[in-house]
């Protein structure tokens, strides 16, 4: 979950600078080359430098450098997409833990209940992140308008959608934190497995 926290903070940072971003393209995919010597790699490194885990951020998003270029919007979409994939994996792992899988560390009833609650929170977080990714993709598909009044209306629509993305991402991050809170009194080995 620390990995998703780092990426979520990157996302929120990128979204806060939306005013100078370019168009969003289709959902980014890692390029074949993971070199960060490109201009996009430098752009990603500069954004990652402001996060809690800059090395992890850079290593995670560097494969998207060619697609991201120098666009905060495309960087936000890449961070959201990676975070969504991570949240899906975390949900599957928590389901296994709640069901008493090999990583469950033989949970006591209180921890088993917390794990079941956590599954619901993570499923909600996945849904919120999915909505965020879809909204960012829609933003990239909106046509530019020629008239001033249509331009003002489009700007308000973009701001509304970006605010929605920020709200959904923030709520997903809150769910992540609430999940960890449910394990506060558990042994360190259980908390580490959940984290």
C-alpha atoms as a PDB file:
ATOM      1  CA  UNK A   1       0.000   0.000   0.000  1.00  0.00           C
ATOM      2  CA  UNK A   2       3.006   2.293   0.443  1.00  0.00           C
ATOM      3  CA  UNK A   3       3.558   1.997  -3.297  1.00  0.00           C
ATOM      4  CA  UNK A   4      -0.001   3.089  -4.034  1.00  0.00           C
ATOM      5  CA  UNK A   5       0.355   5.975  -1.545  1.00  0.00           C
ATOM      6  CA  UNK A   6       3.416   7.274  -3.368  1.00  0.00           C
ATOM      7  CA  UNK A   7       1.680   7.101  -6.719  1.00  0.00           C
ATOM      8  CA  UNK A   8      -1.486   8.675  -5.360  1.00  0.00           C
ATOM      9  CA  UNK A   9       0.493  11.641  -4.042  1.00  0.00           C
ATOM     10  CA  UNK A  10       2.161  11.972  -7.436  1.00  0.00           C
ATOM     11  CA  UNK A  11      -1.246  11.923  -9.052  1.00  0.00           C
ATOM     12  CA  UNK A  12      -2.588  14.616  -6.752  1.00  0.00           C
ATOM     13  CA  UNK A  13       0.488  16.762  -7.387  1.00  0.00           C
ATOM     14  CA  UNK A  14       0.103  16.374 -11.140  1.00  0.00           C
ATOM     15  CA  UNK A  15      -3.604  17.144 -11.035  1.00  0.00           C
ATOM     16  CA  UNK A  16      -3.035  20.278  -8.990  1.00  0.00           C
ATOM     17  CA  UNK A  17      -0.946  21.629 -11.879  1.00  0.00           C
ATOM     18  CA  UNK A  18      -3.610  20.852 -14.463  1.00  0.00           C
ATOM     19  CA  UNK A  19      -3.703  24.414 -15.764  1.00  0.00           C
ATOM     20  CA  UNK A  20      -0.529  23.966 -17.805  1.00  0.00           C
ATOM     21  CA  UNK A  21      -1.120  20.475 -19.081  1.00  0.00           C
ATOM     22  CA  UNK A  22      -1.613  19.345 -22.640  1.00  0.00           C
ATOM     23  CA  UNK A  23      -4.174  16.958 -24.032  1.00  0.00           C
ATOM     24  CA  UNK A  24      -4.551  13.503 -22.562  1.00  0.00           C
ATOM     25  CA  UNK A  25      -4.211  10.609 -24.957  1.00  0.00           C
ATOM     26  CA  UNK A  26      -5.462   7.068 -24.701  1.00  0.00           C
ATOM     27  CA  UNK A  27      -4.522   5.033 -21.629  1.00  0.00           C
ATOM     28  CA  UNK A  28      -0.736   4.951 -21.490  1.00  0.00           C
ATOM     29  CA  UNK A  29       1.204   1.731 -21.796  1.00  0.00           C
ATOM     30  CA  UNK A  30       4.840   1.182 -20.910  1.00  0.00           C
ATOM     31  CA  UNK A  31       7.230   1.645 -23.791  1.00  0.00           C
ATOM     32  CA  UNK A  32       9.674  -1.091 -24.761  1.00  0.00           C
ATOM     33  CA  UNK A  33      12.586   1.037 -23.567  1.00  0.00           C
ATOM     34  CA  UNK A  34      12.668   1.919 -19.891  1.00  0.00           C
ATOM     35  CA  UNK A  35      15.498   4.404 -20.285  1.00  0.00           C
ATOM     36  CA  UNK A  36      14.923   7.654 -18.464  1.00  0.00           C
ATOM     37  CA  UNK A  37      17.415   9.619 -20.511  1.00  0.00           C
ATOM     38  CA  UNK A  38      14.662  10.932 -22.770  1.00  0.00           C
ATOM     39  CA  UNK A  39      13.015  14.288 -22.202  1.00  0.00           C
ATOM     40  CA  UNK A  40       9.975  12.449 -20.817  1.00  0.00           C
ATOM     41  CA  UNK A  41      12.218  10.615 -18.362  1.00  0.00           C
ATOM     42  CA  UNK A  42      13.598  13.907 -17.092  1.00  0.00           C
ATOM     43  CA  UNK A  43      10.071  15.255 -16.796  1.00  0.00           C
ATOM     44  CA  UNK A  44       9.020  12.213 -14.769  1.00  0.00           C
ATOM     45  CA  UNK A  45      12.137  12.451 -12.587  1.00  0.00           C
ATOM     46  CA  UNK A  46      11.427  16.112 -11.861  1.00  0.00           C
ATOM     47  CA  UNK A  47       7.849  15.344 -10.815  1.00  0.00           C
ATOM     48  CA  UNK A  48       8.901  12.302  -8.796  1.00  0.00           C
ATOM     49  CA  UNK A  49      11.477  14.376  -6.918  1.00  0.00           C
ATOM     50  CA  UNK A  50       8.597  16.039  -5.067  1.00  0.00           C
ATOM     51  CA  UNK A  51       7.084  12.779  -3.790  1.00  0.00           C
ATOM     52  CA  UNK A  52       7.715  10.839  -0.582  1.00  0.00           C
ATOM     53  CA  UNK A  53       9.324   7.974  -2.536  1.00  0.00           C
ATOM     54  CA  UNK A  54      11.081   9.547  -5.554  1.00  0.00           C
ATOM     55  CA  UNK A  55      13.080   6.432  -6.525  1.00  0.00           C
ATOM     56  CA  UNK A  56       9.990   4.212  -6.425  1.00  0.00           C
ATOM     57  CA  UNK A  57       7.946   6.803  -8.303  1.00  0.00           C
ATOM     58  CA  UNK A  58      10.583   7.147 -11.016  1.00  0.00           C
ATOM     59  CA  UNK A  59      11.122   3.384 -11.356  1.00  0.00           C
ATOM     60  CA  UNK A  60       7.376   2.819 -11.633  1.00  0.00           C
ATOM     61  CA  UNK A  61       6.598   5.585 -14.115  1.00  0.00           C
ATOM     62  CA  UNK A  62       9.822   5.643 -16.179  1.00  0.00           C
ATOM     63  CA  UNK A  63       8.468   2.976 -18.576  1.00  0.00           C
ATOM     64  CA  UNK A  64       5.773   5.505 -19.546  1.00  0.00           C
ATOM     65  CA  UNK A  65       8.228   8.310 -20.400  1.00  0.00           C
ATOM     66  CA  UNK A  66       7.716   8.141 -24.172  1.00  0.00           C
ATOM     67  CA  UNK A  67       3.935   8.243 -23.800  1.00  0.00           C
ATOM     68  CA  UNK A  68       3.964  10.932 -21.094  1.00  0.00           C
ATOM     69  CA  UNK A  69       6.396  13.268 -22.832  1.00  0.00           C
ATOM     70  CA  UNK A  70       6.176  16.526 -20.887  1.00  0.00           C
ATOM     71  CA  UNK A  71       2.435  16.444 -20.176  1.00  0.00           C
ATOM     72  CA  UNK A  72       1.230  16.556 -16.567  1.00  0.00           C
ATOM     73  CA  UNK A  73      -2.138  15.254 -17.804  1.00  0.00           C
ATOM     74  CA  UNK A  74      -0.591  12.170 -19.406  1.00  0.00           C
ATOM     75  CA  UNK A  75       1.591  11.701 -16.322  1.00  0.00           C
ATOM     76  CA  UNK A  76      -1.550  11.835 -14.170  1.00  0.00           C
ATOM     77  CA  UNK A  77      -3.225   9.266 -16.385  1.00  0.00           C
ATOM     78  CA  UNK A  78      -0.175   6.983 -16.226  1.00  0.00           C
ATOM     79  CA  UNK A  79       0.005   7.314 -12.418  1.00  0.00           C
ATOM     80  CA  UNK A  80      -3.714   6.627 -12.097  1.00  0.00           C
ATOM     81  CA  UNK A  81      -3.501   3.600 -14.383  1.00  0.00           C
ATOM     82  CA  UNK A  82      -0.548   2.122 -12.485  1.00  0.00           C
ATOM     83  CA  UNK A  83      -2.260   2.841  -9.165  1.00  0.00           C
ATOM     84  CA  UNK A  84      -5.470   1.181 -10.353  1.00  0.00           C
ATOM     85  CA  UNK A  85      -3.538  -1.942 -11.347  1.00  0.00           C
ATOM     86  CA  UNK A  86      -1.805  -1.966  -7.949  1.00  0.00           C
ATOM     87  CA  UNK A  87      -5.104  -1.502  -6.120  1.00  0.00           C
ATOM     88  CA  UNK A  88      -6.563  -4.458  -8.008  1.00  0.00           C
ATOM     89  CA  UNK A  89      -3.597  -6.627  -6.959  1.00  0.00           C
ATOM     90  CA  UNK A  90      -3.856  -5.427  -3.347  1.00  0.00           C
ATOM     91  CA  UNK A  91      -7.565  -6.280  -3.325  1.00  0.00           C
ATOM     92  CA  UNK A  92      -6.870  -9.803  -4.577  1.00  0.00           C
ATOM     93  CA  UNK A  93      -4.172 -10.279  -1.919  1.00  0.00           C
ATOM     94  CA  UNK A  94      -6.473  -8.981   0.826  1.00  0.00           C
ATOM     95  CA  UNK A  95      -9.261 -11.318  -0.363  1.00  0.00           C
ATOM     96  CA  UNK A  96      -6.840 -14.233  -0.020  1.00  0.00           C
ATOM     97  CA  UNK A  97      -5.835 -13.051   3.447  1.00  0.00           C
ATOM     98  CA  UNK A  98      -9.465 -12.625   4.530  1.00  0.00           C
ATOM     99  CA  UNK A  99     -10.305 -16.090   3.197  1.00  0.00           C
ATOM    100  CA  UNK A 100      -7.517 -17.621   5.275  1.00  0.00           C
ATOM    101  CA  UNK A 101      -4.998 -18.116   2.472  1.00  0.00           C
ATOM    102  CA  UNK A 102      -1.327 -18.876   2.979  1.00  0.00           C
ATOM    103  CA  UNK A 103      -0.518 -15.247   3.772  1.00  0.00           C
ATOM    104  CA  UNK A 104      -3.258 -14.955   6.419  1.00  0.00           C
ATOM    105  CA  UNK A 105      -0.853 -15.690   9.292  1.00  0.00           C
ATOM    106  CA  UNK A 106      -3.769 -17.489  10.982  1.00  0.00           C
ATOM    107  CA  UNK A 107      -5.661 -14.320  11.748  1.00  0.00           C
ATOM    108  CA  UNK A 108      -7.455 -14.029  15.053  1.00  0.00           C
ATOM    109  CA  UNK A 109     -11.198 -13.302  14.676  1.00  0.00           C
ATOM    110  CA  UNK A 110     -10.774  -9.525  15.125  1.00  0.00           C
ATOM    111  CA  UNK A 111      -8.097  -9.389  12.409  1.00  0.00           C
ATOM    112  CA  UNK A 112     -10.132 -11.666  10.119  1.00  0.00           C
ATOM    113  CA  UNK A 113     -13.050  -9.246  10.468  1.00  0.00           C
ATOM    114  CA  UNK A 114     -10.736  -6.293   9.754  1.00  0.00           C
ATOM    115  CA  UNK A 115      -9.462  -8.126   6.651  1.00  0.00           C
ATOM    116  CA  UNK A 116     -13.023  -8.662   5.418  1.00  0.00           C
ATOM    117  CA  UNK A 117     -13.800  -4.965   5.995  1.00  0.00           C
ATOM    118  CA  UNK A 118     -10.572  -4.061   4.221  1.00  0.00           C
ATOM    119  CA  UNK A 119     -11.620  -6.045   1.138  1.00  0.00           C
ATOM    120  CA  UNK A 120     -14.741  -3.891   0.863  1.00  0.00           C
ATOM    121  CA  UNK A 121     -12.740  -0.684   1.274  1.00  0.00           C
ATOM    122  CA  UNK A 122     -10.205  -1.757  -1.341  1.00  0.00           C
ATOM    123  CA  UNK A 123     -12.968  -2.752  -3.763  1.00  0.00           C
ATOM    124  CA  UNK A 124     -14.425   0.735  -3.295  1.00  0.00           C
ATOM    125  CA  UNK A 125     -10.970   2.241  -3.896  1.00  0.00           C
ATOM    126  CA  UNK A 126     -10.628   0.225  -7.122  1.00  0.00           C
ATOM    127  CA  UNK A 127     -13.982   1.554  -8.302  1.00  0.00           C
ATOM    128  CA  UNK A 128     -13.017   5.136  -7.449  1.00  0.00           C
ATOM    129  CA  UNK A 129      -9.691   4.788  -9.276  1.00  0.00           C
ATOM    130  CA  UNK A 130     -11.437   3.223 -12.285  1.00  0.00           C
ATOM    131  CA  UNK A 131     -13.763   6.248 -12.415  1.00  0.00           C
ATOM    132  CA  UNK A 132     -10.729   8.535 -12.210  1.00  0.00           C
ATOM    133  CA  UNK A 133      -8.974   6.786 -15.100  1.00  0.00           C
ATOM    134  CA  UNK A 134     -12.129   6.897 -17.222  1.00  0.00           C
ATOM    135  CA  UNK A 135     -12.621  10.610 -16.491  1.00  0.00           C
ATOM    136  CA  UNK A 136      -9.011  11.391 -17.426  1.00  0.00           C
ATOM    137  CA  UNK A 137      -9.421   9.447 -20.659  1.00  0.00           C
ATOM    138  CA  UNK A 138     -12.622  11.394 -21.472  1.00  0.00           C
ATOM    139  CA  UNK A 139     -10.779  14.667 -20.853  1.00  0.00           C
ATOM    140  CA  UNK A 140      -8.333  13.741 -23.587  1.00  0.00           C
ATOM    141  CA  UNK A 141     -11.122  13.119 -26.064  1.00  0.00           C
ATOM    142  CA  UNK A 142     -12.979  16.419 -25.646  1.00  0.00           C
ATOM    143  CA  UNK A 143     -12.761  18.541 -28.792  1.00  0.00           C
ATOM    144  CA  UNK A 144     -11.449  22.090 -28.618  1.00  0.00           C
ATOM    145  CA  UNK A 145     -14.127  24.719 -29.238  1.00  0.00           C
ATOM    146  CA  UNK A 146     -13.703  27.880 -31.291  1.00  0.00           C
ATOM    147  CA  UNK A 147     -16.235  30.197 -29.619  1.00  0.00           C
ATOM    148  CA  UNK A 148     -15.373  32.122 -26.455  1.00  0.00           C
ATOM    149  CA  UNK A 149     -18.568  31.133 -24.616  1.00  0.00           C
ATOM    150  CA  UNK A 150     -18.115  27.494 -25.560  1.00  0.00           C
ATOM    151  CA  UNK A 151     -14.479  27.778 -24.486  1.00  0.00           C
ATOM    152  CA  UNK A 152     -15.505  29.109 -21.055  1.00  0.00           C
ATOM    153  CA  UNK A 153     -18.063  26.351 -20.702  1.00  0.00           C
ATOM    154  CA  UNK A 154     -15.479  23.757 -21.742  1.00  0.00           C
ATOM    155  CA  UNK A 155     -13.060  25.159 -19.158  1.00  0.00           C
ATOM    156  CA  UNK A 156     -15.677  24.814 -16.426  1.00  0.00           C
ATOM    157  CA  UNK A 157     -16.382  21.264 -17.566  1.00  0.00           C
ATOM    158  CA  UNK A 158     -12.682  20.394 -17.470  1.00  0.00           C
ATOM    159  CA  UNK A 159     -12.321  21.913 -13.985  1.00  0.00           C
ATOM    160  CA  UNK A 160     -15.363  19.964 -12.800  1.00  0.00           C
ATOM    161  CA  UNK A 161     -13.977  16.709 -14.190  1.00  0.00           C
ATOM    162  CA  UNK A 162     -10.516  17.331 -12.728  1.00  0.00           C
ATOM    163  CA  UNK A 163     -12.109  18.121  -9.351  1.00  0.00           C
ATOM    164  CA  UNK A 164     -14.043  14.865  -9.628  1.00  0.00           C
ATOM    165  CA  UNK A 165     -10.846  12.944 -10.358  1.00  0.00           C
ATOM    166  CA  UNK A 166      -9.135  14.568  -7.374  1.00  0.00           C
ATOM    167  CA  UNK A 167     -12.099  13.744  -5.130  1.00  0.00           C
ATOM    168  CA  UNK A 168     -12.240  10.111  -6.259  1.00  0.00           C
ATOM    169  CA  UNK A 169      -8.472   9.656  -5.908  1.00  0.00           C
ATOM    170  CA  UNK A 170      -8.510  11.253  -2.470  1.00  0.00           C
ATOM    171  CA  UNK A 171     -11.381   8.986  -1.373  1.00  0.00           C
ATOM    172  CA  UNK A 172      -9.451   5.948  -2.658  1.00  0.00           C
ATOM    173  CA  UNK A 173      -6.443   7.042  -0.611  1.00  0.00           C
ATOM    174  CA  UNK A 174      -8.677   7.455   2.446  1.00  0.00           C
ATOM    175  CA  UNK A 175      -9.960   3.887   1.980  1.00  0.00           C
ATOM    176  CA  UNK A 176      -6.362   2.684   1.872  1.00  0.00           C
ATOM    177  CA  UNK A 177      -5.619   4.407   5.185  1.00  0.00           C
ATOM    178  CA  UNK A 178      -8.813   3.146   6.804  1.00  0.00           C
ATOM    179  CA  UNK A 179      -7.897  -0.393   5.807  1.00  0.00           C
ATOM    180  CA  UNK A 180      -4.598  -0.127   7.665  1.00  0.00           C
ATOM    181  CA  UNK A 181      -6.313   1.371  10.720  1.00  0.00           C
ATOM    182  CA  UNK A 182      -8.331  -1.832  11.152  1.00  0.00           C
ATOM    183  CA  UNK A 183      -5.095  -3.709  11.909  1.00  0.00           C
ATOM    184  CA  UNK A 184      -3.672  -1.210  14.408  1.00  0.00           C
ATOM    185  CA  UNK A 185      -3.663  -3.567  17.411  1.00  0.00           C
ATOM    186  CA  UNK A 186      -2.471  -6.624  15.503  1.00  0.00           C
ATOM    187  CA  UNK A 187       1.014  -8.193  15.642  1.00  0.00           C
ATOM    188  CA  UNK A 188       3.682  -6.539  13.488  1.00  0.00           C
ATOM    189  CA  UNK A 189       3.830  -9.535  11.126  1.00  0.00           C
ATOM    190  CA  UNK A 190       0.116  -9.122  10.309  1.00  0.00           C
ATOM    191  CA  UNK A 191       0.392  -5.333   9.852  1.00  0.00           C
ATOM    192  CA  UNK A 192       3.385  -5.806   7.551  1.00  0.00           C
ATOM    193  CA  UNK A 193       1.519  -8.395   5.476  1.00  0.00           C
ATOM    194  CA  UNK A 194      -1.407  -5.991   5.112  1.00  0.00           C
ATOM    195  CA  UNK A 195       0.845  -3.058   4.256  1.00  0.00           C
END
